[in-house]
Protein backbone atom coordinates (compact mmCIF):
# COMPACT_ATOMS: atom_id res chain seq x y z
CA UNK A 1 0.14 1.69 -9.53
CA UNK A 2 0.08 -2.12 -9.88
CA UNK A 3 3.50 -2.58 -8.44
CA UNK A 4 2.61 -0.65 -5.21
CA UNK A 5 -0.65 -2.50 -4.68
CA UNK A 6 0.98 -5.92 -5.31
CA UNK A 7 3.98 -4.95 -3.04
CA UNK A 8 1.61 -4.00 -0.27
CA UNK A 9 -0.39 -7.23 -0.61
CA UNK A 10 2.87 -9.16 -0.25
CA UNK A 11 3.94 -7.22 2.81
CA UNK A 12 0.64 -7.84 4.54
CA UNK A 13 0.51 -11.44 3.64
CA UNK A 14 4.11 -12.00 4.69
CA UNK A 15 3.66 -10.23 8.05
CA UNK A 16 0.35 -11.88 8.83
CA UNK A 17 -0.56 -8.57 10.49
CA UNK A 18 -3.26 -6.04 9.86
CA UNK A 19 -0.69 -3.31 10.34
CA UNK A 20 2.85 -2.87 8.93
CA UNK A 21 5.54 -0.41 10.01
CA UNK A 22 6.73 1.24 6.84
CA UNK A 23 7.01 4.89 5.61
CA UNK A 24 6.21 6.32 2.28
CA UNK A 25 9.91 6.92 1.70
CA UNK A 26 10.76 3.26 2.43
CA UNK A 27 8.20 2.19 -0.11
CA UNK A 28 9.34 4.73 -2.66
CA UNK A 29 12.99 3.42 -2.15
CA UNK A 30 11.90 -0.33 -2.59
CA UNK A 31 9.86 0.41 -5.70
CA UNK A 32 12.20 3.07 -7.30
CA UNK A 33 9.59 5.75 -7.18
CA UNK A 34 9.34 9.23 -5.72
CA UNK A 35 7.86 9.59 -2.10
CA UNK A 36 5.41 12.06 -3.59
CA UNK A 37 4.09 9.44 -6.05
CA UNK A 38 3.84 6.79 -3.35
CA UNK A 39 1.99 9.20 -1.07
CA UNK A 40 -0.53 10.14 -3.74
CA UNK A 41 -1.14 6.38 -4.57
CA UNK A 42 -1.54 5.55 -0.94
CA UNK A 43 -4.01 8.38 -0.42
CA UNK A 44 -5.99 6.97 -3.47
CA UNK A 45 -5.89 3.51 -1.94
CA UNK A 46 -7.09 4.84 1.41
CA UNK A 47 -10.03 6.64 -0.30
CA UNK A 48 -11.07 3.47 -1.83
CA UNK A 49 -11.20 1.76 1.53
CA UNK A 50 -8.19 -0.51 1.25
CA UNK A 51 -5.86 1.12 3.79
CA UNK A 52 -5.61 3.44 6.76
CA UNK A 53 -2.46 5.73 6.67
CA UNK A 54 -0.78 6.57 9.94
CA UNK A 55 2.66 8.01 10.62
CA UNK A 56 5.22 5.28 9.97
CA UNK A 57 2.73 2.58 9.52
CA UNK A 58 -0.11 1.39 7.21
CA UNK A 59 -3.05 -0.57 8.50
CA UNK A 60 -4.94 -2.89 6.23
CA UNK A 61 -8.68 -2.33 5.96
CA UNK A 62 -9.52 -4.89 3.24
CA UNK A 63 -7.00 -7.26 1.65
CA UNK A 64 -9.69 -8.24 -0.80
CA UNK A 65 -10.16 -4.61 -1.91
CA UNK A 66 -6.37 -4.28 -2.23
CA UNK A 67 -6.06 -7.55 -4.28
CA UNK A 68 -8.93 -6.29 -6.51
CA UNK A 69 -7.26 -2.96 -6.89
CA UNK A 70 -3.93 -4.64 -7.80
CA UNK A 71 -5.59 -6.80 -10.40
CA UNK A 72 -7.83 -3.99 -11.78
CA UNK A 73 -5.06 -1.45 -12.54
CA UNK A 74 -4.10 -1.46 -16.16
């Protein structure tokens, strides 16, 4: 989902860190989506090498890959 990818890009860029403390539920609440949908999308992003998922936090592996993903989703 373009909104999730763009939201994550903004969170990482705003924080200036490679890791942000955020849960799947918090992202779902912010974006008006279900937690299940967010979890599924985050798993897809992780499989594509953009992120590492941990309990209560997300670690960025490649901002360039995440930006490319955000720009390529139609």
